[in-house]
Amino acid sequence: MNKSLFQVLVVDDYEPWRSFASKTLHQKPQLQVVSEASDGLEAVHKAERLQPDLILLDIGLPTINGIEAARRILQHAPKTKILFVSEQRSPEIVNKALRMGAQGYVVKSKAATELLAAVEAVLQGKQFLSASLTVALSNTTRRHEVGFYSDDQRLLEDVTQFIAAALKAGSAAVVIATESHRNNLLPRLQAQGVEIDGAIAQGRYIALDVKDALSTFMVDATLNPVRFMEAFGNLIVTAAKAANTEHRRVAVFGEGTHLLWTQGHVDAAIQDEELCNELTKRYEVDILCGYSVGSVQGEMDSHLFQKICAEHSVVHSR
């Protein structure tokens, strides 16, 4: 920790735990607890006003939960680092918290021995996970999510959080999108505190045009699975080599299936999603597929919608 003083906001709805956390942090003279909050909305308002260096954040909070609070906090205080401290150990919840942009996750019952180490690691820009979580997370299936968005604003909000979380953790990211979305994403990542120029120079951030990407494996309106796996496999491996973390993960956002759907290539769109599942089995990769349903006249056929949802581990609709 290079700064002489770091300001910390402690958020938990249980006052005795807030008191314990504050006393623990006071053991380090460079850590200053500037305020406490007991619910999610209060945390968002205080984070926006105080712009602390670090927030200790519980998951189960009144008004809004910790994960939603983190999403809002990072919109208003993008340079603030978030360390979740919760007794919830579900890999699903931990992964979601980390994808939201948190730098660490400590199991609350282990805080007496792990909290200070976690705080130090996070303030140094490193990721920290309680030892009891690492094995469970390593055994979880890779993520293949889909988002159905009513407008570009909502799509870009989710993609920004998804890509920013990966880059801040030292992982790599690949974006396969329209020119408009690629251009609008860059300033949003910068606003989230991502050093995007450095990530591009390191090869940790790769952005491709979605039409160009499709042309590598679409032949006469038919998807060639061999070309698909080769093209994306090589891309993921290249990005992973540039990652500066021990676990070389890659976050991939793609709009290829959306474009195939709008072009009427429904079978190819489903095949694309099935092959993305195969990618998650072969590589250390998390995939977010985006459908801009608000930009297309007419609704998606309900049968197609159900088939697409069935190919994903998580479904978002905004």
C-alpha atoms as a PDB file:
ATOM      1  CA  MET A   1       0.000   0.000   0.000  1.00  0.00           C
ATOM      2  CA  ASN A   2       1.750   3.139  -1.231  1.00  0.00           C
ATOM      3  CA  LYS A   3      -0.627   5.848   0.008  1.00  0.00           C
ATOM      4  CA  SER A   4      -0.221   7.168   3.543  1.00  0.00           C
ATOM      5  CA  LEU A   5      -3.942   6.972   4.286  1.00  0.00           C
ATOM      6  CA  PHE A   6      -6.812   4.926   2.834  1.00  0.00           C
ATOM      7  CA  GLN A   7     -10.420   5.803   3.565  1.00  0.00           C
ATOM      8  CA  VAL A   8     -12.776   2.889   4.190  1.00  0.00           C
ATOM      9  CA  LEU A   9     -16.584   2.619   4.320  1.00  0.00           C
ATOM     10  CA  VAL A  10     -17.958  -0.339   6.299  1.00  0.00           C
ATOM     11  CA  VAL A  11     -21.403  -1.615   5.209  1.00  0.00           C
ATOM     12  CA  ASP A  12     -23.314  -4.235   7.187  1.00  0.00           C
ATOM     13  CA  ASP A  13     -26.763  -4.344   8.800  1.00  0.00           C
ATOM     14  CA  TYR A  14     -25.390  -5.899  12.014  1.00  0.00           C
ATOM     15  CA  GLU A  15     -23.903  -3.226  14.274  1.00  0.00           C
ATOM     16  CA  PRO A  16     -21.652  -5.572  16.344  1.00  0.00           C
ATOM     17  CA  TRP A  17     -19.988  -6.753  13.144  1.00  0.00           C
ATOM     18  CA  ARG A  18     -19.455  -3.188  11.919  1.00  0.00           C
ATOM     19  CA  SER A  19     -17.822  -2.455  15.269  1.00  0.00           C
ATOM     20  CA  PHE A  20     -15.574  -5.525  14.953  1.00  0.00           C
ATOM     21  CA  ALA A  21     -14.558  -4.597  11.407  1.00  0.00           C
ATOM     22  CA  SER A  22     -13.755  -1.010  12.382  1.00  0.00           C
ATOM     23  CA  LYS A  23     -11.644  -2.134  15.336  1.00  0.00           C
ATOM     24  CA  THR A  24      -9.789  -4.617  13.148  1.00  0.00           C
ATOM     25  CA  LEU A  25      -9.021  -1.980  10.515  1.00  0.00           C
ATOM     26  CA  HIS A  26      -7.770   0.432  13.194  1.00  0.00           C
ATOM     27  CA  GLN A  27      -4.880  -1.975  13.772  1.00  0.00           C
ATOM     28  CA  LYS A  28      -3.368  -0.501  10.607  1.00  0.00           C
ATOM     29  CA  PRO A  29      -2.692   3.244  10.990  1.00  0.00           C
ATOM     30  CA  GLN A  30      -2.983   3.823   7.221  1.00  0.00           C
ATOM     31  CA  LEU A  31      -6.616   2.631   7.261  1.00  0.00           C
ATOM     32  CA  GLN A  32      -9.245   5.198   8.250  1.00  0.00           C
ATOM     33  CA  VAL A  33     -12.896   4.199   8.660  1.00  0.00           C
ATOM     34  CA  VAL A  34     -14.648   7.351   7.449  1.00  0.00           C
ATOM     35  CA  SER A  35     -18.217   6.093   7.844  1.00  0.00           C
ATOM     36  CA  GLU A  36     -20.541   3.122   8.281  1.00  0.00           C
ATOM     37  CA  ALA A  37     -23.806   2.165   6.585  1.00  0.00           C
ATOM     38  CA  SER A  38     -26.485  -0.360   7.516  1.00  0.00           C
ATOM     39  CA  ASP A  39     -28.360  -0.810   4.231  1.00  0.00           C
ATOM     40  CA  GLY A  40     -27.712  -0.893   0.506  1.00  0.00           C
ATOM     41  CA  LEU A  41     -29.133   2.477  -0.525  1.00  0.00           C
ATOM     42  CA  GLU A  42     -27.349   4.244   2.314  1.00  0.00           C
ATOM     43  CA  ALA A  43     -24.108   2.652   1.121  1.00  0.00           C
ATOM     44  CA  VAL A  44     -24.668   3.937  -2.422  1.00  0.00           C
ATOM     45  CA  HIS A  45     -25.344   7.492  -1.231  1.00  0.00           C
ATOM     46  CA  LYS A  46     -22.341   7.537   1.120  1.00  0.00           C
ATOM     47  CA  ALA A  47     -20.036   6.062  -1.510  1.00  0.00           C
ATOM     48  CA  GLU A  48     -21.056   8.742  -3.999  1.00  0.00           C
ATOM     49  CA  ARG A  49     -20.512  11.513  -1.427  1.00  0.00           C
ATOM     50  CA  LEU A  50     -17.321  10.229   0.221  1.00  0.00           C
ATOM     51  CA  GLN A  51     -15.588   8.480  -2.720  1.00  0.00           C
ATOM     52  CA  PRO A  52     -13.741   6.101  -0.331  1.00  0.00           C
ATOM     53  CA  ASP A  53     -10.735   4.050  -1.406  1.00  0.00           C
ATOM     54  CA  LEU A  54     -12.349   0.834  -0.173  1.00  0.00           C
ATOM     55  CA  ILE A  55     -15.776  -0.464   0.838  1.00  0.00           C
ATOM     56  CA  LEU A  56     -16.334  -3.547   2.980  1.00  0.00           C
ATOM     57  CA  LEU A  57     -19.725  -4.748   1.750  1.00  0.00           C
ATOM     58  CA  ASP A  58     -22.102  -7.447   2.973  1.00  0.00           C
ATOM     59  CA  ILE A  59     -24.395  -9.333   0.563  1.00  0.00           C
ATOM     60  CA  GLY A  60     -27.610  -9.540   2.597  1.00  0.00           C
ATOM     61  CA  LEU A  61     -28.595  -5.909   3.142  1.00  0.00           C
ATOM     62  CA  PRO A  62     -31.949  -4.126   3.570  1.00  0.00           C
ATOM     63  CA  THR A  63     -33.436  -1.975   0.745  1.00  0.00           C
ATOM     64  CA  ILE A  64     -31.115  -3.380  -1.947  1.00  0.00           C
ATOM     65  CA  ASN A  65     -28.685  -6.281  -1.635  1.00  0.00           C
ATOM     66  CA  GLY A  66     -24.923  -5.887  -1.686  1.00  0.00           C
ATOM     67  CA  ILE A  67     -24.471  -6.972  -5.299  1.00  0.00           C
ATOM     68  CA  GLU A  68     -26.956  -4.403  -6.605  1.00  0.00           C
ATOM     69  CA  ALA A  69     -25.405  -1.817  -4.283  1.00  0.00           C
ATOM     70  CA  ALA A  70     -21.981  -2.605  -5.759  1.00  0.00           C
ATOM     71  CA  ARG A  71     -23.298  -2.097  -9.281  1.00  0.00           C
ATOM     72  CA  ARG A  72     -24.659   1.329  -8.394  1.00  0.00           C
ATOM     73  CA  ILE A  73     -21.619   2.295  -6.344  1.00  0.00           C
ATOM     74  CA  LEU A  74     -19.236   1.602  -9.210  1.00  0.00           C
ATOM     75  CA  GLN A  75     -21.303   3.864 -11.453  1.00  0.00           C
ATOM     76  CA  HIS A  76     -20.894   6.795  -9.044  1.00  0.00           C
ATOM     77  CA  ALA A  77     -17.496   5.941  -7.498  1.00  0.00           C
ATOM     78  CA  PRO A  78     -15.609   4.009 -10.203  1.00  0.00           C
ATOM     79  CA  LYS A  79     -12.218   4.255  -8.472  1.00  0.00           C
ATOM     80  CA  THR A  80     -13.525   2.734  -5.248  1.00  0.00           C
ATOM     81  CA  LYS A  81     -12.470  -0.853  -4.593  1.00  0.00           C
ATOM     82  CA  ILE A  82     -15.040  -3.277  -3.166  1.00  0.00           C
ATOM     83  CA  LEU A  83     -14.320  -6.174  -0.821  1.00  0.00           C
ATOM     84  CA  PHE A  84     -17.344  -8.336  -0.050  1.00  0.00           C
ATOM     85  CA  VAL A  85     -17.477  -9.786   3.453  1.00  0.00           C
ATOM     86  CA  SER A  86     -20.341 -12.244   3.795  1.00  0.00           C
ATOM     87  CA  GLU A  87     -21.189 -15.630   5.223  1.00  0.00           C
ATOM     88  CA  GLN A  88     -22.802 -16.615   1.943  1.00  0.00           C
ATOM     89  CA  ARG A  89     -20.510 -19.127   0.209  1.00  0.00           C
ATOM     90  CA  SER A  90     -22.519 -20.125  -2.851  1.00  0.00           C
ATOM     91  CA  PRO A  91     -20.212 -20.220  -5.904  1.00  0.00           C
ATOM     92  CA  GLU A  92     -23.055 -18.630  -7.876  1.00  0.00           C
ATOM     93  CA  ILE A  93     -23.171 -15.635  -5.510  1.00  0.00           C
ATOM     94  CA  VAL A  94     -19.397 -15.316  -5.196  1.00  0.00           C
ATOM     95  CA  ASN A  95     -18.931 -15.411  -8.975  1.00  0.00           C
ATOM     96  CA  LYS A  96     -21.684 -12.841  -9.454  1.00  0.00           C
ATOM     97  CA  ALA A  97     -20.089 -10.555  -6.860  1.00  0.00           C
ATOM     98  CA  LEU A  98     -16.711 -10.758  -8.567  1.00  0.00           C
ATOM     99  CA  ARG A  99     -18.180 -10.222 -12.033  1.00  0.00           C
ATOM    100  CA  MET A 100     -19.925  -7.130 -10.716  1.00  0.00           C
ATOM    101  CA  GLY A 101     -16.493  -5.602 -10.150  1.00  0.00           C
ATOM    102  CA  ALA A 102     -15.469  -6.554  -6.616  1.00  0.00           C
ATOM    103  CA  GLN A 103     -11.787  -7.186  -5.991  1.00  0.00           C
ATOM    104  CA  GLY A 104     -12.255  -9.708  -3.220  1.00  0.00           C
ATOM    105  CA  TYR A 105     -14.578 -11.895  -1.179  1.00  0.00           C
ATOM    106  CA  VAL A 106     -14.023 -12.885   2.454  1.00  0.00           C
ATOM    107  CA  VAL A 107     -16.142 -15.398   4.335  1.00  0.00           C
ATOM    108  CA  LYS A 108     -17.334 -13.457   7.378  1.00  0.00           C
ATOM    109  CA  SER A 109     -16.535 -16.219   9.862  1.00  0.00           C
ATOM    110  CA  LYS A 110     -12.922 -16.123   8.622  1.00  0.00           C
ATOM    111  CA  ALA A 111     -12.601 -12.340   8.925  1.00  0.00           C
ATOM    112  CA  ALA A 112     -10.616 -12.495  12.178  1.00  0.00           C
ATOM    113  CA  THR A 113      -7.711 -14.124  10.341  1.00  0.00           C
ATOM    114  CA  GLU A 114      -8.257 -13.006   6.728  1.00  0.00           C
ATOM    115  CA  LEU A 115      -9.716  -9.482   6.747  1.00  0.00           C
ATOM    116  CA  LEU A 116      -6.515  -7.445   7.055  1.00  0.00           C
ATOM    117  CA  ALA A 117      -4.710  -9.587   4.479  1.00  0.00           C
ATOM    118  CA  ALA A 118      -7.651  -9.203   2.117  1.00  0.00           C
ATOM    119  CA  VAL A 119      -7.757  -5.422   2.573  1.00  0.00           C
ATOM    120  CA  GLU A 120      -4.041  -5.114   1.887  1.00  0.00           C
ATOM    121  CA  ALA A 121      -4.238  -7.288  -1.224  1.00  0.00           C
ATOM    122  CA  VAL A 122      -7.239  -5.421  -2.662  1.00  0.00           C
ATOM    123  CA  LEU A 123      -5.681  -2.003  -2.053  1.00  0.00           C
ATOM    124  CA  GLN A 124      -2.601  -3.227  -3.937  1.00  0.00           C
ATOM    125  CA  GLY A 125      -4.806  -4.060  -6.921  1.00  0.00           C
ATOM    126  CA  LYS A 126      -4.790  -7.815  -6.311  1.00  0.00           C
ATOM    127  CA  GLN A 127      -7.735 -10.164  -5.998  1.00  0.00           C
ATOM    128  CA  PHE A 128      -8.367 -11.927  -2.681  1.00  0.00           C
ATOM    129  CA  LEU A 129     -10.634 -14.914  -2.005  1.00  0.00           C
ATOM    130  CA  SER A 130     -11.057 -16.749   1.287  1.00  0.00           C
ATOM    131  CA  ALA A 131      -9.159 -20.022   1.166  1.00  0.00           C
ATOM    132  CA  SER A 132     -12.396 -21.960   1.732  1.00  0.00           C
ATOM    133  CA  LEU A 133     -13.841 -20.524  -1.496  1.00  0.00           C
ATOM    134  CA  THR A 134     -11.057 -21.213  -3.970  1.00  0.00           C
ATOM    135  CA  VAL A 135     -11.647 -24.967  -4.334  1.00  0.00           C
ATOM    136  CA  ALA A 136     -15.412 -24.557  -4.625  1.00  0.00           C
ATOM    137  CA  LEU A 137     -15.041 -21.886  -7.293  1.00  0.00           C
ATOM    138  CA  SER A 138     -12.513 -23.891  -9.285  1.00  0.00           C
ATOM    139  CA  ASN A 139     -15.042 -26.716  -9.510  1.00  0.00           C
ATOM    140  CA  THR A 140     -17.920 -24.618 -10.810  1.00  0.00           C
ATOM    141  CA  THR A 141     -18.920 -24.796 -14.459  1.00  0.00           C
ATOM    142  CA  ARG A 142     -17.821 -21.948 -16.682  1.00  0.00           C
ATOM    143  CA  ARG A 143     -20.264 -19.162 -17.266  1.00  0.00           C
ATOM    144  CA  HIS A 144     -22.286 -18.690 -20.421  1.00  0.00           C
ATOM    145  CA  GLU A 145     -24.776 -15.863 -19.857  1.00  0.00           C
ATOM    146  CA  VAL A 146     -27.273 -14.143 -22.111  1.00  0.00           C
ATOM    147  CA  GLY A 147     -28.832 -10.707 -21.856  1.00  0.00           C
ATOM    148  CA  PHE A 148     -31.945  -9.470 -23.678  1.00  0.00           C
ATOM    149  CA  TYR A 149     -31.874  -5.667 -23.728  1.00  0.00           C
ATOM    150  CA  SER A 150     -34.603  -3.156 -24.523  1.00  0.00           C
ATOM    151  CA  ASP A 151     -32.092  -0.447 -25.470  1.00  0.00           C
ATOM    152  CA  ASP A 152     -28.381   0.219 -25.966  1.00  0.00           C
ATOM    153  CA  GLN A 153     -28.058   1.980 -22.609  1.00  0.00           C
ATOM    154  CA  ARG A 154     -28.923  -1.145 -20.654  1.00  0.00           C
ATOM    155  CA  LEU A 155     -26.799  -3.363 -22.858  1.00  0.00           C
ATOM    156  CA  LEU A 156     -23.745  -1.135 -22.466  1.00  0.00           C
ATOM    157  CA  GLU A 157     -24.224  -0.933 -18.697  1.00  0.00           C
ATOM    158  CA  ASP A 158     -24.043  -4.722 -18.327  1.00  0.00           C
ATOM    159  CA  VAL A 159     -21.218  -5.164 -20.831  1.00  0.00           C
ATOM    160  CA  THR A 160     -19.188  -2.435 -19.117  1.00  0.00           C
ATOM    161  CA  GLN A 161     -19.507  -4.150 -15.735  1.00  0.00           C
ATOM    162  CA  PHE A 162     -18.719  -7.560 -17.249  1.00  0.00           C
ATOM    163  CA  ILE A 163     -15.582  -6.426 -19.104  1.00  0.00           C
ATOM    164  CA  ALA A 164     -14.376  -3.985 -16.430  1.00  0.00           C
ATOM    165  CA  ALA A 165     -14.499  -6.673 -13.741  1.00  0.00           C
ATOM    166  CA  ALA A 166     -12.294  -8.961 -15.835  1.00  0.00           C
ATOM    167  CA  LEU A 167      -9.735  -6.289 -16.730  1.00  0.00           C
ATOM    168  CA  LYS A 168      -9.514  -4.932 -13.175  1.00  0.00           C
ATOM    169  CA  ALA A 169      -8.801  -8.459 -11.931  1.00  0.00           C
ATOM    170  CA  GLY A 170      -5.894  -8.741 -14.389  1.00  0.00           C
ATOM    171  CA  SER A 171      -7.757 -11.101 -16.711  1.00  0.00           C
ATOM    172  CA  ALA A 172      -8.251 -10.619 -20.450  1.00  0.00           C
ATOM    173  CA  ALA A 173     -11.348  -9.590 -22.370  1.00  0.00           C
ATOM    174  CA  VAL A 174     -12.605 -10.008 -25.928  1.00  0.00           C
ATOM    175  CA  VAL A 175     -15.416  -7.902 -27.366  1.00  0.00           C
ATOM    176  CA  ILE A 176     -17.115  -8.921 -30.616  1.00  0.00           C
ATOM    177  CA  ALA A 177     -19.633  -6.201 -31.341  1.00  0.00           C
ATOM    178  CA  THR A 178     -20.860  -3.501 -33.692  1.00  0.00           C
ATOM    179  CA  GLU A 179     -18.685  -0.474 -34.294  1.00  0.00           C
ATOM    180  CA  SER A 180     -21.102   1.707 -32.342  1.00  0.00           C
ATOM    181  CA  HIS A 181     -21.026  -0.527 -29.281  1.00  0.00           C
ATOM    182  CA  ARG A 182     -17.234  -0.929 -29.420  1.00  0.00           C
ATOM    183  CA  ASN A 183     -16.736   2.840 -29.595  1.00  0.00           C
ATOM    184  CA  ASN A 184     -19.218   3.588 -26.811  1.00  0.00           C
ATOM    185  CA  LEU A 185     -17.728   0.928 -24.561  1.00  0.00           C
ATOM    186  CA  LEU A 186     -14.239   2.481 -24.363  1.00  0.00           C
ATOM    187  CA  PRO A 187     -15.120   5.702 -22.492  1.00  0.00           C
ATOM    188  CA  ARG A 188     -17.413   3.730 -20.188  1.00  0.00           C
ATOM    189  CA  LEU A 189     -14.550   1.391 -19.264  1.00  0.00           C
ATOM    190  CA  GLN A 190     -12.308   4.381 -18.615  1.00  0.00           C
ATOM    191  CA  ALA A 191     -14.990   5.897 -16.388  1.00  0.00           C
ATOM    192  CA  GLN A 192     -14.950   2.649 -14.402  1.00  0.00           C
ATOM    193  CA  GLY A 193     -11.258   3.139 -13.691  1.00  0.00           C
ATOM    194  CA  VAL A 194      -9.962   0.704 -16.324  1.00  0.00           C
ATOM    195  CA  GLU A 195      -6.634   1.690 -17.906  1.00  0.00           C
ATOM    196  CA  ILE A 196      -7.927   0.672 -21.293  1.00  0.00           C
ATOM    197  CA  ASP A 197      -4.971   1.951 -23.336  1.00  0.00           C
ATOM    198  CA  GLY A 198      -2.649  -0.195 -21.253  1.00  0.00           C
ATOM    199  CA  ALA A 199      -4.920  -3.221 -21.568  1.00  0.00           C
ATOM    200  CA  ILE A 200      -4.979  -2.807 -25.355  1.00  0.00           C
ATOM    201  CA  ALA A 201      -1.203  -2.439 -25.510  1.00  0.00           C
ATOM    202  CA  GLN A 202      -0.752  -5.569 -23.370  1.00  0.00           C
ATOM    203  CA  GLY A 203      -3.140  -7.540 -25.547  1.00  0.00           C
ATOM    204  CA  ARG A 204      -5.543  -8.070 -22.642  1.00  0.00           C
ATOM    205  CA  TYR A 205      -8.341  -6.237 -24.457  1.00  0.00           C
ATOM    206  CA  ILE A 206      -9.221  -7.354 -27.968  1.00  0.00           C
ATOM    207  CA  ALA A 207     -12.137  -5.816 -29.879  1.00  0.00           C
ATOM    208  CA  LEU A 208     -13.407  -7.196 -33.183  1.00  0.00           C
ATOM    209  CA  ASP A 209     -16.196  -6.249 -35.564  1.00  0.00           C
ATOM    210  CA  VAL A 210     -19.049  -8.714 -35.293  1.00  0.00           C
ATOM    211  CA  LYS A 211     -19.603  -8.961 -39.074  1.00  0.00           C
ATOM    212  CA  ASP A 212     -15.923  -9.665 -39.672  1.00  0.00           C
ATOM    213  CA  ALA A 213     -15.972 -12.341 -36.969  1.00  0.00           C
ATOM    214  CA  LEU A 214     -18.993 -14.068 -38.498  1.00  0.00           C
ATOM    215  CA  SER A 215     -17.346 -14.125 -41.907  1.00  0.00           C
ATOM    216  CA  THR A 216     -14.608 -16.415 -40.559  1.00  0.00           C
ATOM    217  CA  PHE A 217     -16.998 -19.314 -39.903  1.00  0.00           C
ATOM    218  CA  MET A 218     -20.206 -18.600 -41.858  1.00  0.00           C
ATOM    219  CA  VAL A 219     -20.156 -20.187 -45.334  1.00  0.00           C
ATOM    220  CA  ASP A 220     -23.176 -19.664 -47.600  1.00  0.00           C
ATOM    221  CA  ALA A 221     -25.403 -18.846 -44.606  1.00  0.00           C
ATOM    222  CA  THR A 222     -24.255 -22.030 -42.851  1.00  0.00           C
ATOM    223  CA  LEU A 223     -22.144 -22.109 -39.696  1.00  0.00           C
ATOM    224  CA  ASN A 224     -19.005 -24.224 -40.017  1.00  0.00           C
ATOM    225  CA  PRO A 225     -18.345 -25.631 -36.504  1.00  0.00           C
ATOM    226  CA  VAL A 226     -14.699 -26.508 -37.197  1.00  0.00           C
ATOM    227  CA  ARG A 227     -13.926 -22.961 -38.300  1.00  0.00           C
ATOM    228  CA  PHE A 228     -15.891 -21.587 -35.342  1.00  0.00           C
ATOM    229  CA  MET A 229     -13.966 -23.574 -32.728  1.00  0.00           C
ATOM    230  CA  GLU A 230     -10.645 -22.854 -34.395  1.00  0.00           C
ATOM    231  CA  ALA A 231     -11.261 -19.122 -34.718  1.00  0.00           C
ATOM    232  CA  PHE A 232     -12.530 -18.593 -31.178  1.00  0.00           C
ATOM    233  CA  GLY A 233     -10.150 -21.090 -29.626  1.00  0.00           C
ATOM    234  CA  ASN A 234      -7.153 -19.251 -31.075  1.00  0.00           C
ATOM    235  CA  LEU A 235      -8.614 -15.915 -29.999  1.00  0.00           C
ATOM    236  CA  ILE A 236      -9.165 -17.073 -26.410  1.00  0.00           C
ATOM    237  CA  VAL A 237      -5.690 -18.597 -26.149  1.00  0.00           C
ATOM    238  CA  THR A 238      -4.092 -15.415 -27.489  1.00  0.00           C
ATOM    239  CA  ALA A 239      -5.970 -13.247 -25.008  1.00  0.00           C
ATOM    240  CA  ALA A 240      -5.274 -15.611 -22.101  1.00  0.00           C
ATOM    241  CA  LYS A 241      -1.518 -15.420 -22.690  1.00  0.00           C
ATOM    242  CA  ALA A 242      -1.691 -11.658 -22.109  1.00  0.00           C
ATOM    243  CA  ALA A 243      -3.528 -11.966 -18.785  1.00  0.00           C
ATOM    244  CA  ASN A 244      -1.400 -11.007 -15.789  1.00  0.00           C
ATOM    245  CA  THR A 245      -3.064 -13.253 -13.213  1.00  0.00           C
ATOM    246  CA  GLU A 246      -2.216 -16.764 -12.089  1.00  0.00           C
ATOM    247  CA  HIS A 247      -5.484 -18.082 -13.514  1.00  0.00           C
ATOM    248  CA  ARG A 248      -5.570 -16.866 -17.105  1.00  0.00           C
ATOM    249  CA  ARG A 249      -9.285 -16.304 -17.567  1.00  0.00           C
ATOM    250  CA  VAL A 250     -10.907 -14.554 -20.501  1.00  0.00           C
ATOM    251  CA  ALA A 251     -14.224 -12.689 -20.550  1.00  0.00           C
ATOM    252  CA  VAL A 252     -15.931 -12.687 -23.952  1.00  0.00           C
ATOM    253  CA  PHE A 253     -18.851 -10.490 -24.950  1.00  0.00           C
ATOM    254  CA  GLY A 254     -20.414 -11.250 -28.315  1.00  0.00           C
ATOM    255  CA  GLU A 255     -23.270 -10.046 -30.513  1.00  0.00           C
ATOM    256  CA  GLY A 256     -22.820 -12.655 -33.220  1.00  0.00           C
ATOM    257  CA  THR A 257     -25.890 -14.681 -32.268  1.00  0.00           C
ATOM    258  CA  HIS A 258     -27.989 -11.502 -32.224  1.00  0.00           C
ATOM    259  CA  LEU A 259     -26.835 -10.658 -35.747  1.00  0.00           C
ATOM    260  CA  LEU A 260     -27.518 -14.202 -36.977  1.00  0.00           C
ATOM    261  CA  TRP A 261     -31.032 -13.979 -35.543  1.00  0.00           C
ATOM    262  CA  THR A 262     -31.763 -10.612 -37.174  1.00  0.00           C
ATOM    263  CA  GLN A 263     -30.513 -12.001 -40.495  1.00  0.00           C
ATOM    264  CA  GLY A 264     -32.960 -14.894 -40.210  1.00  0.00           C
ATOM    265  CA  HIS A 265     -30.278 -17.561 -39.631  1.00  0.00           C
ATOM    266  CA  VAL A 266     -32.069 -19.091 -36.644  1.00  0.00           C
ATOM    267  CA  ASP A 267     -30.459 -22.536 -36.856  1.00  0.00           C
ATOM    268  CA  ALA A 268     -27.010 -20.955 -37.046  1.00  0.00           C
ATOM    269  CA  ALA A 269     -27.792 -18.790 -34.019  1.00  0.00           C
ATOM    270  CA  ILE A 270     -28.702 -21.841 -31.940  1.00  0.00           C
ATOM    271  CA  GLN A 271     -25.626 -23.694 -33.189  1.00  0.00           C
ATOM    272  CA  ASP A 272     -23.487 -20.688 -32.245  1.00  0.00           C
ATOM    273  CA  GLU A 273     -24.840 -20.843 -28.684  1.00  0.00           C
ATOM    274  CA  GLU A 274     -24.221 -24.595 -28.470  1.00  0.00           C
ATOM    275  CA  LEU A 275     -20.620 -24.129 -29.593  1.00  0.00           C
ATOM    276  CA  CYS A 276     -20.131 -21.381 -27.015  1.00  0.00           C
ATOM    277  CA  ASN A 277     -20.988 -23.977 -24.372  1.00  0.00           C
ATOM    278  CA  GLU A 278     -18.258 -26.164 -25.838  1.00  0.00           C
ATOM    279  CA  LEU A 279     -15.821 -23.256 -25.538  1.00  0.00           C
ATOM    280  CA  THR A 280     -16.589 -22.931 -21.824  1.00  0.00           C
ATOM    281  CA  LYS A 281     -15.708 -26.608 -21.376  1.00  0.00           C
ATOM    282  CA  ARG A 282     -12.377 -26.336 -23.197  1.00  0.00           C
ATOM    283  CA  TYR A 283     -11.093 -22.977 -21.998  1.00  0.00           C
ATOM    284  CA  GLU A 284     -10.993 -20.743 -18.919  1.00  0.00           C
ATOM    285  CA  VAL A 285     -13.618 -18.429 -20.345  1.00  0.00           C
ATOM    286  CA  ASP A 286     -16.809 -16.613 -19.302  1.00  0.00           C
ATOM    287  CA  ILE A 287     -19.165 -15.602 -22.109  1.00  0.00           C
ATOM    288  CA  LEU A 288     -21.904 -12.971 -22.206  1.00  0.00           C
ATOM    289  CA  CYS A 289     -24.131 -12.985 -25.299  1.00  0.00           C
ATOM    290  CA  GLY A 290     -26.125  -9.820 -25.976  1.00  0.00           C
ATOM    291  CA  TYR A 291     -29.422  -9.510 -27.826  1.00  0.00           C
ATOM    292  CA  SER A 292     -30.585  -5.948 -28.539  1.00  0.00           C
ATOM    293  CA  VAL A 293     -34.248  -6.896 -28.846  1.00  0.00           C
ATOM    294  CA  GLY A 294     -35.373  -3.276 -28.564  1.00  0.00           C
ATOM    295  CA  SER A 295     -33.607  -2.382 -31.797  1.00  0.00           C
ATOM    296  CA  VAL A 296     -35.467  -4.978 -33.887  1.00  0.00           C
ATOM    297  CA  GLN A 297     -39.007  -4.721 -35.197  1.00  0.00           C
ATOM    298  CA  GLY A 298     -41.202  -7.533 -33.956  1.00  0.00           C
ATOM    299  CA  GLU A 299     -40.627  -9.873 -31.020  1.00  0.00           C
ATOM    300  CA  MET A 300     -38.431 -12.942 -30.865  1.00  0.00           C
ATOM    301  CA  ASP A 301     -40.352 -16.155 -31.447  1.00  0.00           C
ATOM    302  CA  SER A 302     -41.146 -17.690 -28.051  1.00  0.00           C
ATOM    303  CA  HIS A 303     -39.814 -21.121 -29.105  1.00  0.00           C
ATOM    304  CA  LEU A 304     -36.504 -19.567 -30.192  1.00  0.00           C
ATOM    305  CA  PHE A 305     -36.350 -17.527 -26.984  1.00  0.00           C
ATOM    306  CA  GLN A 306     -36.760 -20.677 -24.892  1.00  0.00           C
ATOM    307  CA  LYS A 307     -34.119 -22.550 -26.901  1.00  0.00           C
ATOM    308  CA  ILE A 308     -31.627 -19.703 -26.489  1.00  0.00           C
ATOM    309  CA  CYS A 309     -32.284 -19.463 -22.751  1.00  0.00           C
ATOM    310  CA  ALA A 310     -31.768 -23.222 -22.403  1.00  0.00           C
ATOM    311  CA  GLU A 311     -28.210 -22.896 -23.727  1.00  0.00           C
ATOM    312  CA  HIS A 312     -27.157 -20.449 -20.991  1.00  0.00           C
ATOM    313  CA  SER A 313     -26.325 -20.715 -17.312  1.00  0.00           C
ATOM    314  CA  VAL A 314     -27.770 -17.272 -16.480  1.00  0.00           C
ATOM    315  CA  VAL A 315     -30.419 -15.169 -18.281  1.00  0.00           C
ATOM    316  CA  HIS A 316     -30.801 -11.403 -17.915  1.00  0.00           C
ATOM    317  CA  SER A 317     -33.648  -9.327 -19.314  1.00  0.00           C
ATOM    318  CA  ARG A 318     -33.562  -5.537 -19.013  1.00  0.00           C
END
